Amino acid sequence: MTDIMSMNKEELRAHVRDSGLGYVVDMRKSIETLREELSRFKPKVKTEKARVDVPLFLKNPKTGFFWPYTDLLAARGDLIACDENGDEN
């Protein structure tokens, strides 16, 4: 078992990505908060629903700022899909 309490942010992000937990590591949060959230995180059970691709993050193309996806942000219409590093899909 991996000890997440001793990992730094980059190691946490790599661990989550490699394990396929479905947790989104918000790099703007403190390392203590990320460790606590990940230690309490329970992966959702996958169901056989039809999959609709929803971006994990939305980016303002003018400013370059990006945020985790929410329906409210998506309703704005001026934001574009991106990944956790702000890179456009």
N, C-alpha and C. Protein backbone atom coordinates (compact mmCIF):
# COMPACT_ATOMS: atom_id res chain seq x y z
N MET A 1 0.85 -1.19 0.00
CA MET A 1 0.00 0.00 0.00
C MET A 1 0.89 1.24 0.00
N THR A 2 0.48 2.24 -0.75
CA THR A 2 1.25 3.47 -0.87
C THR A 2 0.86 4.42 0.26
N ASP A 3 1.85 5.05 0.87
CA ASP A 3 1.61 5.99 1.96
C ASP A 3 1.43 7.39 1.38
N ILE A 4 0.18 7.81 1.20
CA ILE A 4 -0.08 9.12 0.61
C ILE A 4 0.30 10.27 1.53
N MET A 5 0.43 9.99 2.81
CA MET A 5 0.76 11.04 3.76
C MET A 5 2.21 11.52 3.63
N SER A 6 3.04 10.78 2.90
CA SER A 6 4.42 11.20 2.72
C SER A 6 4.70 11.70 1.30
N MET A 7 3.67 11.71 0.44
CA MET A 7 3.85 12.13 -0.95
C MET A 7 3.76 13.64 -1.09
N ASN A 8 4.46 14.18 -2.10
CA ASN A 8 4.29 15.59 -2.44
C ASN A 8 3.18 15.70 -3.50
N LYS A 9 2.87 16.89 -3.96
CA LYS A 9 1.76 17.10 -4.88
C LYS A 9 1.94 16.34 -6.19
N GLU A 10 3.12 16.39 -6.76
CA GLU A 10 3.37 15.70 -8.03
C GLU A 10 3.23 14.19 -7.87
N GLU A 11 3.72 13.67 -6.76
CA GLU A 11 3.60 12.23 -6.51
C GLU A 11 2.14 11.84 -6.31
N LEU A 12 1.37 12.69 -5.61
CA LEU A 12 -0.06 12.43 -5.44
C LEU A 12 -0.77 12.40 -6.78
N ARG A 13 -0.48 13.38 -7.63
CA ARG A 13 -1.13 13.44 -8.94
C ARG A 13 -0.80 12.20 -9.77
N ALA A 14 0.47 11.79 -9.76
CA ALA A 14 0.88 10.60 -10.50
C ALA A 14 0.22 9.35 -9.94
N HIS A 15 0.14 9.24 -8.62
CA HIS A 15 -0.49 8.08 -7.98
C HIS A 15 -1.96 7.98 -8.38
N VAL A 16 -2.67 9.10 -8.32
CA VAL A 16 -4.09 9.11 -8.67
C VAL A 16 -4.27 8.77 -10.15
N ARG A 17 -3.45 9.35 -11.00
CA ARG A 17 -3.55 9.09 -12.44
C ARG A 17 -3.29 7.62 -12.75
N ASP A 18 -2.25 7.05 -12.16
CA ASP A 18 -1.88 5.67 -12.43
C ASP A 18 -2.85 4.66 -11.84
N SER A 19 -3.49 5.01 -10.72
CA SER A 19 -4.40 4.06 -10.07
C SER A 19 -5.80 4.11 -10.64
N GLY A 20 -6.14 5.18 -11.41
CA GLY A 20 -7.46 5.28 -12.00
C GLY A 20 -8.57 5.46 -10.98
N LEU A 21 -8.30 6.16 -9.89
CA LEU A 21 -9.29 6.34 -8.84
C LEU A 21 -10.46 7.23 -9.24
N GLY A 22 -10.25 8.11 -10.20
CA GLY A 22 -11.32 9.04 -10.57
C GLY A 22 -11.33 10.29 -9.73
N TYR A 23 -10.33 10.49 -8.91
CA TYR A 23 -10.21 11.68 -8.08
C TYR A 23 -9.46 12.75 -8.86
N VAL A 24 -9.92 13.99 -8.77
CA VAL A 24 -9.26 15.10 -9.46
C VAL A 24 -8.39 15.84 -8.45
N VAL A 25 -7.09 15.87 -8.69
CA VAL A 25 -6.15 16.55 -7.80
C VAL A 25 -6.12 18.03 -8.18
N ASP A 26 -6.66 18.86 -7.30
CA ASP A 26 -6.67 20.31 -7.51
C ASP A 26 -5.35 20.86 -6.97
N MET A 27 -4.42 21.13 -7.87
CA MET A 27 -3.07 21.53 -7.48
C MET A 27 -3.03 22.88 -6.75
N ARG A 28 -4.14 23.60 -6.73
CA ARG A 28 -4.17 24.88 -6.02
C ARG A 28 -4.37 24.70 -4.52
N LYS A 29 -4.79 23.51 -4.11
CA LYS A 29 -5.01 23.24 -2.68
C LYS A 29 -3.68 22.91 -2.01
N SER A 30 -3.65 23.08 -0.70
CA SER A 30 -2.43 22.76 0.05
C SER A 30 -2.21 21.26 0.06
N ILE A 31 -0.97 20.85 0.26
CA ILE A 31 -0.63 19.43 0.28
C ILE A 31 -1.34 18.73 1.42
N GLU A 32 -1.50 19.40 2.56
CA GLU A 32 -2.19 18.80 3.70
C GLU A 32 -3.65 18.53 3.36
N THR A 33 -4.31 19.48 2.68
CA THR A 33 -5.71 19.30 2.28
C THR A 33 -5.84 18.16 1.28
N LEU A 34 -4.95 18.11 0.30
CA LEU A 34 -5.00 17.04 -0.70
C LEU A 34 -4.80 15.67 -0.05
N ARG A 35 -3.86 15.56 0.84
CA ARG A 35 -3.62 14.28 1.52
C ARG A 35 -4.86 13.84 2.31
N GLU A 36 -5.46 14.80 3.03
CA GLU A 36 -6.65 14.48 3.82
C GLU A 36 -7.81 14.05 2.93
N GLU A 37 -8.06 14.81 1.85
CA GLU A 37 -9.15 14.47 0.95
C GLU A 37 -8.94 13.10 0.31
N LEU A 38 -7.73 12.83 -0.13
CA LEU A 38 -7.44 11.56 -0.80
C LEU A 38 -7.53 10.39 0.19
N SER A 39 -7.14 10.61 1.43
CA SER A 39 -7.23 9.53 2.42
C SER A 39 -8.69 9.19 2.72
N ARG A 40 -9.61 10.15 2.58
CA ARG A 40 -11.03 9.91 2.82
C ARG A 40 -11.79 9.53 1.55
N PHE A 41 -11.15 9.63 0.39
CA PHE A 41 -11.83 9.43 -0.89
C PHE A 41 -12.22 7.97 -1.08
N LYS A 42 -13.48 7.77 -1.46
CA LYS A 42 -13.99 6.44 -1.77
C LYS A 42 -14.38 6.44 -3.24
N PRO A 43 -13.72 5.61 -4.06
CA PRO A 43 -14.06 5.58 -5.49
C PRO A 43 -15.51 5.17 -5.71
N LYS A 44 -16.14 5.78 -6.69
CA LYS A 44 -17.51 5.43 -7.03
C LYS A 44 -17.53 4.11 -7.79
N VAL A 45 -18.58 3.36 -7.56
CA VAL A 45 -18.74 2.10 -8.27
C VAL A 45 -19.21 2.42 -9.68
N LYS A 46 -18.53 1.85 -10.65
CA LYS A 46 -18.89 2.10 -12.04
C LYS A 46 -20.16 1.33 -12.40
N THR A 47 -21.02 1.98 -13.12
CA THR A 47 -22.25 1.36 -13.58
C THR A 47 -22.22 1.25 -15.10
N GLU A 48 -23.20 0.62 -15.65
CA GLU A 48 -23.27 0.40 -17.09
C GLU A 48 -24.07 1.49 -17.81
N LYS A 49 -24.06 2.70 -17.29
CA LYS A 49 -24.76 3.81 -17.94
C LYS A 49 -24.05 4.21 -19.22
N ALA A 50 -24.81 4.84 -20.10
CA ALA A 50 -24.20 5.40 -21.30
C ALA A 50 -23.25 6.51 -20.87
N ARG A 51 -22.06 6.51 -21.42
CA ARG A 51 -21.05 7.48 -21.02
C ARG A 51 -21.16 8.74 -21.86
N VAL A 52 -21.20 9.85 -21.18
CA VAL A 52 -21.19 11.15 -21.83
C VAL A 52 -19.89 11.82 -21.42
N ASP A 53 -19.07 12.16 -22.40
CA ASP A 53 -17.79 12.78 -22.09
C ASP A 53 -18.00 14.22 -21.63
N VAL A 54 -17.62 14.47 -20.40
CA VAL A 54 -17.70 15.80 -19.82
C VAL A 54 -16.26 16.18 -19.45
N PRO A 55 -15.83 17.35 -19.85
CA PRO A 55 -14.45 17.73 -19.51
C PRO A 55 -14.27 17.85 -18.01
N LEU A 56 -13.08 17.58 -17.54
CA LEU A 56 -12.80 17.71 -16.11
C LEU A 56 -12.55 19.16 -15.71
N PHE A 57 -12.06 19.95 -16.68
CA PHE A 57 -11.76 21.35 -16.41
C PHE A 57 -12.25 22.21 -17.56
N LEU A 58 -12.51 23.48 -17.26
CA LEU A 58 -12.89 24.46 -18.27
C LEU A 58 -11.93 25.64 -18.17
N LYS A 59 -11.54 26.15 -19.33
CA LYS A 59 -10.51 27.20 -19.40
C LYS A 59 -11.06 28.42 -20.13
N ASN A 60 -10.70 29.59 -19.62
CA ASN A 60 -11.02 30.83 -20.30
C ASN A 60 -9.92 31.06 -21.33
N PRO A 61 -10.25 31.04 -22.63
CA PRO A 61 -9.20 31.16 -23.65
C PRO A 61 -8.52 32.53 -23.67
N LYS A 62 -9.18 33.54 -23.16
CA LYS A 62 -8.60 34.88 -23.16
C LYS A 62 -7.58 35.05 -22.03
N THR A 63 -7.91 34.55 -20.83
CA THR A 63 -7.04 34.76 -19.68
C THR A 63 -6.13 33.58 -19.39
N GLY A 64 -6.51 32.39 -19.83
CA GLY A 64 -5.73 31.19 -19.55
C GLY A 64 -6.05 30.55 -18.22
N PHE A 65 -6.93 31.18 -17.41
CA PHE A 65 -7.33 30.58 -16.14
C PHE A 65 -8.24 29.40 -16.40
N PHE A 66 -8.14 28.36 -15.55
CA PHE A 66 -9.02 27.21 -15.70
C PHE A 66 -9.50 26.74 -14.33
N TRP A 67 -10.68 26.10 -14.34
CA TRP A 67 -11.35 25.66 -13.12
C TRP A 67 -11.90 24.26 -13.31
N PRO A 68 -12.14 23.54 -12.20
CA PRO A 68 -12.82 22.25 -12.33
C PRO A 68 -14.20 22.44 -12.94
N TYR A 69 -14.63 21.48 -13.75
CA TYR A 69 -15.89 21.56 -14.46
C TYR A 69 -17.07 21.65 -13.48
N THR A 70 -17.98 22.58 -13.76
CA THR A 70 -19.29 22.62 -13.11
C THR A 70 -20.30 22.98 -14.18
N ASP A 71 -21.55 22.58 -13.95
CA ASP A 71 -22.60 22.90 -14.92
C ASP A 71 -22.77 24.42 -15.05
N LEU A 72 -22.61 25.13 -13.95
CA LEU A 72 -22.75 26.60 -13.98
C LEU A 72 -21.69 27.24 -14.88
N LEU A 73 -20.43 26.78 -14.77
CA LEU A 73 -19.38 27.32 -15.64
C LEU A 73 -19.62 26.93 -17.09
N ALA A 74 -20.07 25.70 -17.33
CA ALA A 74 -20.32 25.24 -18.69
C ALA A 74 -21.43 26.05 -19.34
N ALA A 75 -22.39 26.51 -18.55
CA ALA A 75 -23.50 27.29 -19.08
C ALA A 75 -23.06 28.66 -19.60
N ARG A 76 -21.90 29.14 -19.19
CA ARG A 76 -21.41 30.43 -19.67
C ARG A 76 -21.24 30.43 -21.19
N GLY A 77 -20.73 29.32 -21.73
CA GLY A 77 -20.58 29.19 -23.17
C GLY A 77 -19.28 29.72 -23.75
N ASP A 78 -18.49 30.46 -22.98
CA ASP A 78 -17.25 31.01 -23.52
C ASP A 78 -16.01 30.26 -23.06
N LEU A 79 -16.18 29.20 -22.25
CA LEU A 79 -15.05 28.44 -21.75
C LEU A 79 -14.84 27.20 -22.60
N ILE A 80 -13.58 26.75 -22.68
CA ILE A 80 -13.25 25.58 -23.48
C ILE A 80 -12.74 24.45 -22.60
N ALA A 81 -12.87 23.22 -23.05
CA ALA A 81 -12.44 22.05 -22.30
C ALA A 81 -10.91 22.02 -22.23
N CYS A 82 -10.40 21.58 -21.08
CA CYS A 82 -8.95 21.41 -20.93
C CYS A 82 -8.69 20.32 -19.89
N ASP A 83 -7.42 19.95 -19.74
CA ASP A 83 -7.06 18.95 -18.74
C ASP A 83 -6.59 19.64 -17.47
N GLU A 84 -6.11 18.87 -16.48
CA GLU A 84 -5.72 19.43 -15.20
C GLU A 84 -4.51 20.35 -15.26
N ASN A 85 -3.83 20.38 -16.40
CA ASN A 85 -2.70 21.29 -16.57
C ASN A 85 -3.07 22.53 -17.39
N GLY A 86 -4.33 22.63 -17.82
CA GLY A 86 -4.76 23.76 -18.63
C GLY A 86 -4.54 23.56 -20.11
N ASP A 87 -4.10 22.37 -20.49
CA ASP A 87 -3.87 22.08 -21.92
C ASP A 87 -5.19 21.73 -22.59
N GLU A 88 -5.45 22.35 -23.72
CA GLU A 88 -6.70 22.11 -24.45
C GLU A 88 -6.74 20.70 -24.99
N ASN A 89 -7.94 20.13 -24.99
CA ASN A 89 -8.12 18.75 -25.48
C ASN A 89 -8.15 18.71 -26.98
